[in-house]
Amino acid sequence: MASAWVIPLVAFFLLRWELAYLVLPYVTLVSIEYLLFKPQGEIKVWRSVPHHRFLEGQEVEVEVHVVPEFSVEHLVVRDIVPEELEIVSGSPEKAFSLRAGEEGVLKYTVRIKRGVHHFERVEVSYRDPLGFFSADAFVELFTEAIGVPQVYDVPTPYSTRGTKITIGPLPSPLIGEGLEFHAVREYRPGDPLKIINWKATARTGKIMANEFESERKVDVVFIVDASRNNLPVFDYLIRAAASLMLNALNDGTSFGLLLAEEVPLWVRVDYGKRHFFKCIDFLSTAKPDLNNVIAYQVEHLAKSAFPPRAQIVYFSPLLTKESREALKILGELGYKVVVISPNPNSLYIPSTEEEELAMKLVELRRKALLRELSAYGLIIDWDVKKPLKAAIAEVIKL
């Protein structure tokens, strides 16, 4: 392009005006490019996905739509895909030749992983046929996709009203008008007169009222051990927790969640679909970290936040001293505990006789440890190569 200006300058200084004719073809070409191909307007871009929550492992088609306000011969659109997602078909980059107002669609498919994934930008590149006009720009375009844990069809490994599996019927901690007498307390404004305990009132000089245990379903607290040592089986822990949460939702049971990360996350006991999805979103983003104080977290919340007599479901491979201590604390505080314990040894296949012998020794040590800990709760040792339903059925006779 610089040479196009050099020739007229030389012609001017040398007074050789015939040289100016040499640039006429170039001037003509530039004029045509300017009139026909210079971009005049904007390019509209948007991204679409079917919805925003997907099961982990699900294949999802992503569409990027582009509509220019001017005719364009060469338009390249590239979607910036989150690094953690696998592209299974198609390509996130495509070249278009579009007329003004014509819509082009870029399609590709990704496999969703558990977690929150952010699509943030789309790169748009424009070139005219001869390269006189070009532009590269990033369009800020935010889309969030949440990969929720897979759920399994599992039976309920604990007792609710009207059922007896192995650990017996559990009374609900909800206090009110029930069948079983619970305690005597001071009368509160709004209490019905029929629950006043007149004998206790005469004895103490204060108006006293009776409390009863309701026969509603027991509250359940799910505890997930998020220690970094659990990384090999962490996804199994999360899937098991999500499966039993769905089981509780379908059964009408109220539940809470303790995600024992370095900074613990406690979701108080509640019920319903909104509460379920809230807990599922937290499970979706959970990552194992350097938490080594799970015993302290469990003890503190068990004494201050857990409902009395709640059923505890503890998800942990019990690899660390702290995780085992947490189980002991729950048992000693009188909670009924069911432990879903994915066996990390079941992930490995020995390739030599020496490795096979070593694995047998490791398994014997684990079984001895679980036998010792069974005094504090019902432990389901889960070979992750088998369905969780089968592991539960081996321990609990349904």
Protein backbone atom coordinates (compact mmCIF):
# COMPACT_ATOMS: atom_id res chain seq x y z
CA MET A 1 0.00 0.00 0.00
CA ALA A 2 2.93 2.37 0.70
CA SER A 3 4.14 1.95 -2.90
CA ALA A 4 0.85 3.38 -4.12
CA TRP A 5 1.78 6.69 -2.49
CA VAL A 6 5.43 6.58 -3.57
CA ILE A 7 4.59 6.58 -7.31
CA PRO A 8 2.48 9.81 -7.26
CA LEU A 9 5.15 11.55 -5.18
CA VAL A 10 7.89 10.56 -7.62
CA ALA A 11 5.72 11.71 -10.54
CA PHE A 12 5.17 15.07 -8.84
CA PHE A 13 8.86 15.75 -8.12
CA LEU A 14 10.05 14.53 -11.54
CA LEU A 15 7.14 16.11 -13.37
CA ARG A 16 6.53 12.77 -15.07
CA TRP A 17 2.73 12.74 -14.93
CA GLU A 18 2.47 9.60 -17.04
CA LEU A 19 3.72 7.71 -14.00
CA ALA A 20 0.47 8.60 -12.20
CA TYR A 21 -1.35 6.33 -14.60
CA LEU A 22 0.38 3.40 -12.96
CA VAL A 23 -1.63 3.88 -9.80
CA LEU A 24 -5.00 4.15 -11.51
CA PRO A 25 -5.72 0.39 -11.35
CA TYR A 26 -4.84 0.42 -7.67
CA VAL A 27 -7.05 3.46 -7.00
CA THR A 28 -9.88 1.81 -8.90
CA LEU A 29 -9.49 -1.39 -6.88
CA VAL A 30 -9.44 0.47 -3.58
CA SER A 31 -12.52 2.42 -4.57
CA ILE A 32 -14.39 -0.76 -5.41
CA GLU A 33 -13.29 -2.34 -2.13
CA TYR A 34 -14.36 0.75 -0.21
CA LEU A 35 -17.76 0.95 -1.89
CA LEU A 36 -18.60 -2.75 -1.83
CA PHE A 37 -16.74 -4.39 1.04
CA LYS A 38 -16.06 -1.83 3.75
CA PRO A 39 -18.05 -2.92 6.83
CA GLN A 40 -20.88 -0.51 7.56
CA GLY A 41 -22.83 -1.61 10.60
CA GLU A 42 -22.62 -4.11 13.41
CA ILE A 43 -22.52 -7.87 13.72
CA LYS A 44 -25.04 -9.37 16.15
CA VAL A 45 -23.89 -12.48 18.02
CA TRP A 46 -25.68 -14.63 20.58
CA ARG A 47 -25.22 -18.09 22.08
CA SER A 48 -27.91 -20.62 22.95
CA VAL A 49 -27.94 -23.84 24.99
CA PRO A 50 -31.01 -26.01 25.74
CA HIS A 51 -31.02 -25.01 29.45
CA HIS A 52 -28.54 -24.30 32.22
CA ARG A 53 -28.44 -27.49 34.33
CA PHE A 54 -27.13 -30.74 32.90
CA LEU A 55 -26.17 -34.12 34.32
CA GLU A 56 -22.43 -34.70 34.38
CA GLY A 57 -21.37 -36.72 31.34
CA GLN A 58 -24.29 -35.39 29.28
CA GLU A 59 -23.51 -34.21 25.75
CA VAL A 60 -24.83 -30.72 25.09
CA GLU A 61 -25.17 -28.94 21.75
CA VAL A 62 -24.05 -25.32 21.80
CA GLU A 63 -25.18 -22.91 19.08
CA VAL A 64 -23.63 -19.54 18.25
CA HIS A 65 -25.76 -17.35 15.99
CA VAL A 66 -24.34 -14.47 13.95
CA VAL A 67 -26.19 -11.87 11.86
CA PRO A 68 -24.22 -9.07 10.09
CA GLU A 69 -25.86 -5.79 9.13
CA PHE A 70 -23.73 -5.73 5.98
CA SER A 71 -22.67 -8.26 3.36
CA VAL A 72 -19.50 -10.07 4.31
CA GLU A 73 -17.47 -12.49 2.23
CA HIS A 74 -15.23 -13.87 4.97
CA LEU A 75 -16.36 -13.83 8.58
CA VAL A 76 -14.76 -16.20 11.11
CA VAL A 77 -16.54 -16.88 14.40
CA ARG A 78 -14.80 -18.75 17.24
CA ASP A 79 -16.51 -19.54 20.52
CA ILE A 80 -14.20 -19.56 23.56
CA VAL A 81 -14.96 -22.89 25.22
CA PRO A 82 -14.09 -23.45 28.92
CA GLU A 83 -10.87 -25.48 29.10
CA GLU A 84 -12.37 -28.16 31.33
CA LEU A 85 -15.02 -29.16 28.78
CA GLU A 86 -14.40 -31.80 26.12
CA ILE A 87 -15.54 -31.10 22.56
CA VAL A 88 -17.02 -34.36 21.27
CA SER A 89 -18.28 -33.27 17.85
CA GLY A 90 -18.23 -30.27 15.57
CA SER A 91 -15.89 -27.31 15.95
CA PRO A 92 -16.23 -24.08 17.94
CA GLU A 93 -14.84 -22.18 14.93
CA LYS A 94 -16.47 -21.61 11.57
CA ALA A 95 -16.09 -19.28 8.55
CA PHE A 96 -19.18 -17.67 7.00
CA SER A 97 -20.07 -15.77 3.83
CA LEU A 98 -23.29 -13.89 4.57
CA ARG A 99 -25.51 -11.27 3.02
CA ALA A 100 -26.78 -8.36 5.08
CA GLY A 101 -29.35 -9.66 7.58
CA GLU A 102 -28.61 -13.32 6.82
CA GLU A 103 -28.13 -15.58 9.86
CA GLY A 104 -25.25 -18.01 10.24
CA VAL A 105 -25.19 -20.73 12.90
CA LEU A 106 -22.13 -22.39 14.44
CA LYS A 107 -22.87 -25.71 16.16
CA TYR A 108 -20.72 -28.01 18.27
CA THR A 109 -21.21 -30.47 21.11
CA VAL A 110 -19.44 -30.62 24.48
CA ARG A 111 -19.47 -33.18 27.27
CA ILE A 112 -20.42 -31.58 30.58
CA LYS A 113 -18.40 -32.21 33.73
CA ARG A 114 -19.62 -31.66 37.27
CA GLY A 115 -19.22 -28.03 38.26
CA VAL A 116 -20.05 -24.55 37.05
CA HIS A 117 -18.79 -23.69 33.56
CA HIS A 118 -18.71 -20.17 32.14
CA PHE A 119 -18.75 -19.37 28.42
CA GLU A 120 -17.65 -15.74 28.44
CA ARG A 121 -16.58 -14.55 24.98
CA VAL A 122 -16.87 -15.09 21.23
CA GLU A 123 -14.08 -14.03 18.86
CA VAL A 124 -15.21 -12.48 15.57
CA SER A 125 -12.77 -11.86 12.69
CA TYR A 126 -13.63 -10.06 9.44
CA ARG A 127 -11.58 -9.88 6.22
CA ASP A 128 -12.54 -8.43 2.86
CA PRO A 129 -11.55 -10.50 -0.23
CA LEU A 130 -8.35 -8.53 -0.92
CA GLY A 131 -7.37 -7.84 2.65
CA PHE A 132 -7.81 -4.06 2.62
CA PHE A 133 -10.26 -4.06 5.52
CA SER A 134 -10.00 -6.33 8.54
CA ALA A 135 -11.16 -6.38 12.14
CA ASP A 136 -10.74 -8.74 15.08
CA ALA A 137 -12.89 -8.35 18.16
CA PHE A 138 -13.99 -10.28 21.25
CA VAL A 139 -17.70 -10.09 21.98
CA GLU A 140 -18.53 -10.43 25.69
CA LEU A 141 -21.20 -13.11 25.74
CA PHE A 142 -21.84 -14.84 29.09
CA THR A 143 -23.52 -18.23 29.38
CA GLU A 144 -23.47 -20.41 32.49
CA ALA A 145 -23.79 -24.19 32.38
CA ILE A 146 -24.00 -26.18 35.61
CA GLY A 147 -23.01 -29.84 35.57
CA VAL A 148 -24.94 -31.54 38.37
CA PRO A 149 -23.92 -34.93 39.79
CA GLN A 150 -25.25 -38.13 38.34
CA VAL A 151 -27.87 -39.79 40.51
CA TYR A 152 -28.35 -43.49 41.14
CA ASP A 153 -31.48 -45.44 41.91
CA VAL A 154 -30.86 -46.33 45.56
CA PRO A 155 -32.96 -47.60 48.47
CA THR A 156 -33.21 -45.66 51.72
CA PRO A 157 -30.43 -46.95 54.02
CA TYR A 158 -32.00 -45.49 57.17
CA SER A 159 -35.34 -45.61 58.92
CA THR A 160 -38.31 -43.30 58.44
CA ARG A 161 -41.78 -43.48 59.92
CA GLY A 162 -43.47 -46.79 59.28
CA THR A 163 -40.37 -48.58 57.98
CA LYS A 164 -37.81 -50.76 59.68
CA ILE A 165 -34.69 -51.73 57.81
CA THR A 166 -31.92 -52.55 60.29
CA ILE A 167 -31.35 -49.68 62.64
CA GLY A 168 -34.90 -49.37 63.96
CA PRO A 169 -37.57 -46.68 63.99
CA LEU A 170 -36.27 -43.20 64.72
CA PRO A 171 -38.41 -40.59 66.55
CA SER A 172 -38.75 -37.19 64.89
CA PRO A 173 -37.24 -34.25 66.75
CA LEU A 174 -40.22 -32.06 65.84
CA ILE A 175 -41.81 -31.03 69.11
CA GLY A 176 -45.55 -30.50 69.24
CA GLU A 177 -48.74 -32.44 69.78
CA GLY A 178 -47.75 -36.05 69.24
CA LEU A 179 -48.23 -39.42 70.86
CA GLU A 180 -45.06 -39.66 72.94
CA PHE A 181 -44.48 -37.45 75.99
CA HIS A 182 -41.16 -35.59 75.73
CA ALA A 183 -40.67 -33.07 78.55
CA VAL A 184 -42.17 -30.27 80.65
CA ARG A 185 -41.29 -26.66 79.92
CA GLU A 186 -42.58 -23.19 80.72
CA TYR A 187 -45.79 -22.15 78.99
CA ARG A 188 -45.28 -19.88 75.98
CA PRO A 189 -47.79 -17.37 74.60
CA GLY A 190 -49.80 -19.05 71.85
CA ASP A 191 -49.59 -22.57 73.34
CA PRO A 192 -53.01 -24.28 73.57
CA LEU A 193 -54.44 -24.42 77.08
CA LYS A 194 -54.92 -28.18 76.90
CA ILE A 195 -51.15 -28.82 77.13
CA ILE A 196 -50.79 -27.01 80.48
CA ASN A 197 -49.43 -29.34 83.18
CA TRP A 198 -51.39 -28.22 86.21
CA LYS A 199 -49.49 -30.38 88.70
CA ALA A 200 -46.12 -28.98 87.58
CA THR A 201 -47.64 -25.48 87.60
CA ALA A 202 -48.77 -25.87 91.22
CA ARG A 203 -45.40 -27.33 92.23
CA THR A 204 -43.20 -24.66 90.61
CA GLY A 205 -45.41 -21.60 90.82
CA LYS A 206 -44.97 -21.04 87.08
CA ILE A 207 -47.31 -22.02 84.27
CA MET A 208 -45.80 -25.21 82.83
CA ALA A 209 -46.71 -27.05 79.62
CA ASN A 210 -46.17 -30.56 78.28
CA GLU A 211 -44.16 -31.28 75.14
CA PHE A 212 -44.68 -34.27 72.89
CA GLU A 213 -42.67 -35.90 70.13
CA SER A 214 -44.35 -35.85 66.76
CA GLU A 215 -44.44 -39.03 64.68
CA ARG A 216 -43.42 -37.27 61.48
CA LYS A 217 -40.48 -38.48 59.45
CA VAL A 218 -37.05 -38.10 60.91
CA ASP A 219 -34.73 -35.24 59.86
CA VAL A 220 -31.65 -36.32 57.93
CA VAL A 221 -28.26 -34.59 57.83
CA PHE A 222 -25.90 -35.43 54.96
CA ILE A 223 -22.21 -34.89 55.68
CA VAL A 224 -19.68 -34.96 52.81
CA ASP A 225 -15.99 -35.36 53.69
CA ALA A 226 -14.24 -33.00 51.25
CA SER A 227 -10.65 -33.77 52.25
CA ARG A 228 -8.06 -33.71 49.44
CA ASN A 229 -7.11 -37.29 50.36
CA ASN A 230 -10.49 -38.33 48.98
CA LEU A 231 -9.76 -37.07 45.46
CA PRO A 232 -9.76 -40.52 43.75
CA VAL A 233 -13.32 -41.24 44.96
CA PHE A 234 -14.63 -37.71 45.45
CA ASP A 235 -17.01 -37.82 42.49
CA TYR A 236 -18.48 -41.04 43.88
CA LEU A 237 -19.05 -39.31 47.23
CA ILE A 238 -20.88 -36.46 45.52
CA ARG A 239 -23.02 -38.78 43.36
CA ALA A 240 -23.99 -40.86 46.38
CA ALA A 241 -24.96 -37.74 48.34
CA ALA A 242 -27.02 -36.41 45.42
CA SER A 243 -28.75 -39.78 44.99
CA LEU A 244 -29.79 -40.02 48.63
CA MET A 245 -30.93 -36.37 48.59
CA LEU A 246 -33.22 -37.18 45.67
CA ASN A 247 -34.40 -40.22 47.61
CA ALA A 248 -35.22 -37.99 50.61
CA LEU A 249 -36.99 -35.45 48.39
CA ASN A 250 -39.20 -38.14 46.83
CA ASP A 251 -39.89 -39.57 50.29
CA GLY A 252 -40.92 -36.21 51.72
CA THR A 253 -38.09 -36.24 54.25
CA SER A 254 -36.50 -32.97 55.42
CA PHE A 255 -32.71 -32.88 55.18
CA GLY A 256 -29.68 -30.66 55.64
CA LEU A 257 -26.17 -30.68 54.16
CA LEU A 258 -22.73 -30.20 55.65
CA LEU A 259 -20.06 -29.90 52.98
CA ALA A 260 -16.93 -30.29 55.10
CA GLU A 261 -14.47 -28.24 53.07
CA GLU A 262 -11.70 -26.09 54.54
CA VAL A 263 -14.41 -23.46 55.02
CA PRO A 264 -17.41 -25.62 55.89
CA LEU A 265 -20.72 -25.04 54.16
CA TRP A 266 -23.80 -25.80 56.25
CA VAL A 267 -27.29 -25.79 54.72
CA ARG A 268 -29.88 -26.04 57.45
CA VAL A 269 -32.55 -28.72 57.43
CA ASP A 270 -35.46 -27.99 55.12
CA TYR A 271 -37.54 -29.76 52.51
CA GLY A 272 -38.93 -29.29 49.02
CA LYS A 273 -37.59 -28.93 45.49
CA ARG A 274 -36.12 -25.46 45.97
CA HIS A 275 -34.09 -26.72 48.92
CA PHE A 276 -33.05 -29.81 46.95
CA PHE A 277 -31.71 -27.78 44.02
CA LYS A 278 -29.93 -25.43 46.38
CA CYS A 279 -28.06 -28.37 47.91
CA ILE A 280 -27.42 -29.91 44.48
CA ASP A 281 -25.84 -26.65 43.29
CA PHE A 282 -23.45 -26.73 46.24
CA LEU A 283 -22.58 -30.37 45.52
CA SER A 284 -21.99 -29.46 41.87
CA THR A 285 -19.29 -26.95 42.79
CA ALA A 286 -17.68 -28.97 45.60
CA LYS A 287 -13.95 -29.65 45.35
CA PRO A 288 -11.65 -31.56 47.69
CA ASP A 289 -9.27 -29.25 49.55
CA LEU A 290 -6.89 -29.13 52.50
CA ASN A 291 -9.53 -29.55 55.18
CA ASN A 292 -8.02 -31.38 58.16
CA VAL A 293 -10.43 -30.18 60.85
CA ILE A 294 -13.57 -32.10 59.88
CA ALA A 295 -13.80 -33.58 63.38
CA TYR A 296 -13.96 -30.09 64.90
CA GLN A 297 -16.51 -28.94 62.29
CA VAL A 298 -18.74 -31.95 62.91
CA GLU A 299 -18.53 -31.67 66.69
CA HIS A 300 -19.30 -27.95 66.66
CA LEU A 301 -22.32 -28.25 64.33
CA ALA A 302 -23.59 -31.42 65.99
CA LYS A 303 -23.81 -29.52 69.27
CA SER A 304 -25.10 -26.24 67.87
CA ALA A 305 -26.97 -26.75 64.59
CA PHE A 306 -27.91 -30.38 63.91
CA PRO A 307 -31.49 -31.27 64.88
CA PRO A 308 -31.62 -33.48 67.99
CA ARG A 309 -31.90 -37.19 67.19
CA ALA A 310 -31.33 -36.53 63.48
CA GLN A 311 -30.32 -39.39 61.23
CA ILE A 312 -26.78 -38.79 59.94
CA VAL A 313 -25.60 -40.05 56.55
CA TYR A 314 -21.83 -39.62 56.37
CA PHE A 315 -20.07 -39.86 52.99
CA SER A 316 -16.38 -40.62 53.48
CA PRO A 317 -13.79 -43.27 52.52
CA LEU A 318 -12.50 -42.85 56.10
CA LEU A 319 -8.93 -42.45 54.92
CA THR A 320 -7.80 -39.84 57.44
CA LYS A 321 -7.64 -39.83 61.21
CA GLU A 322 -9.81 -36.71 61.28
CA SER A 323 -12.57 -38.32 59.20
CA ARG A 324 -12.62 -41.35 61.50
CA GLU A 325 -12.66 -39.11 64.56
CA ALA A 326 -15.68 -37.28 63.15
CA LEU A 327 -17.55 -40.60 62.95
CA LYS A 328 -16.64 -41.44 66.55
CA ILE A 329 -17.87 -38.04 67.75
CA LEU A 330 -21.23 -38.50 66.05
CA GLY A 331 -21.64 -41.96 67.57
CA GLU A 332 -20.66 -40.80 71.04
CA LEU A 333 -23.14 -37.90 70.84
CA GLY A 334 -25.90 -40.46 70.31
CA TYR A 335 -26.65 -39.87 66.65
CA LYS A 336 -27.70 -42.73 64.40
CA VAL A 337 -25.10 -42.80 61.62
CA VAL A 338 -24.99 -44.54 58.24
CA VAL A 339 -21.63 -44.27 56.46
CA ILE A 340 -21.40 -44.52 52.68
CA SER A 341 -17.72 -45.31 52.22
CA PRO A 342 -16.43 -45.63 48.63
CA ASN A 343 -13.47 -47.99 48.68
CA PRO A 344 -10.53 -46.29 46.87
CA ASN A 345 -8.80 -49.66 46.58
CA SER A 346 -11.54 -50.86 44.23
CA LEU A 347 -10.34 -48.38 41.61
CA TYR A 348 -7.01 -50.12 41.12
CA ILE A 349 -6.37 -53.36 39.25
CA PRO A 350 -3.08 -55.07 40.18
CA SER A 351 -0.92 -56.06 37.20
CA THR A 352 1.53 -58.39 38.97
CA GLU A 353 1.34 -61.03 41.67
CA GLU A 354 3.27 -58.77 44.04
CA GLU A 355 0.76 -55.95 43.52
CA GLU A 356 -2.12 -58.37 43.99
CA LEU A 357 -0.66 -59.55 47.30
CA ALA A 358 -0.10 -55.95 48.41
CA MET A 359 -3.71 -55.07 47.56
CA LYS A 360 -4.97 -58.01 49.62
CA LEU A 361 -2.99 -56.78 52.61
CA VAL A 362 -4.34 -53.26 52.16
CA GLU A 363 -7.88 -54.61 51.93
CA LEU A 364 -7.44 -56.66 55.12
CA ARG A 365 -6.24 -53.57 56.93
CA ARG A 366 -9.23 -51.57 55.68
CA LYS A 367 -11.71 -54.27 56.70
CA ALA A 368 -10.20 -54.41 60.19
CA LEU A 369 -10.47 -50.63 60.48
CA LEU A 370 -14.11 -50.60 59.32
CA ARG A 371 -14.94 -53.40 61.74
CA GLU A 372 -13.56 -51.30 64.58
CA LEU A 373 -15.49 -48.22 63.45
CA SER A 374 -18.75 -50.13 63.05
CA ALA A 375 -19.34 -49.56 66.76
CA TYR A 376 -20.18 -45.94 65.89
CA GLY A 377 -22.41 -46.43 62.86
CA LEU A 378 -23.61 -48.66 60.07
CA ILE A 379 -20.82 -48.71 57.46
CA ILE A 380 -21.52 -49.52 53.80
CA ASP A 381 -18.18 -50.41 52.18
CA TRP A 382 -18.80 -49.57 48.53
CA ASP A 383 -16.82 -51.24 45.75
CA VAL A 384 -17.26 -48.46 43.20
CA LYS A 385 -17.13 -50.93 40.29
CA LYS A 386 -20.54 -52.09 41.51
CA PRO A 387 -23.79 -50.08 41.73
CA LEU A 388 -24.36 -48.29 45.03
CA LYS A 389 -27.73 -50.00 45.24
CA ALA A 390 -26.00 -53.38 45.38
CA ALA A 391 -23.58 -52.19 48.08
CA ILE A 392 -26.48 -51.00 50.24
CA ALA A 393 -28.40 -54.25 49.67
CA GLU A 394 -25.39 -56.31 50.86
CA VAL A 395 -25.51 -54.58 54.25
CA ILE A 396 -29.20 -53.82 54.65
CA LYS A 397 -31.65 -56.63 53.98
CA LEU A 398 -34.47 -54.91 52.11
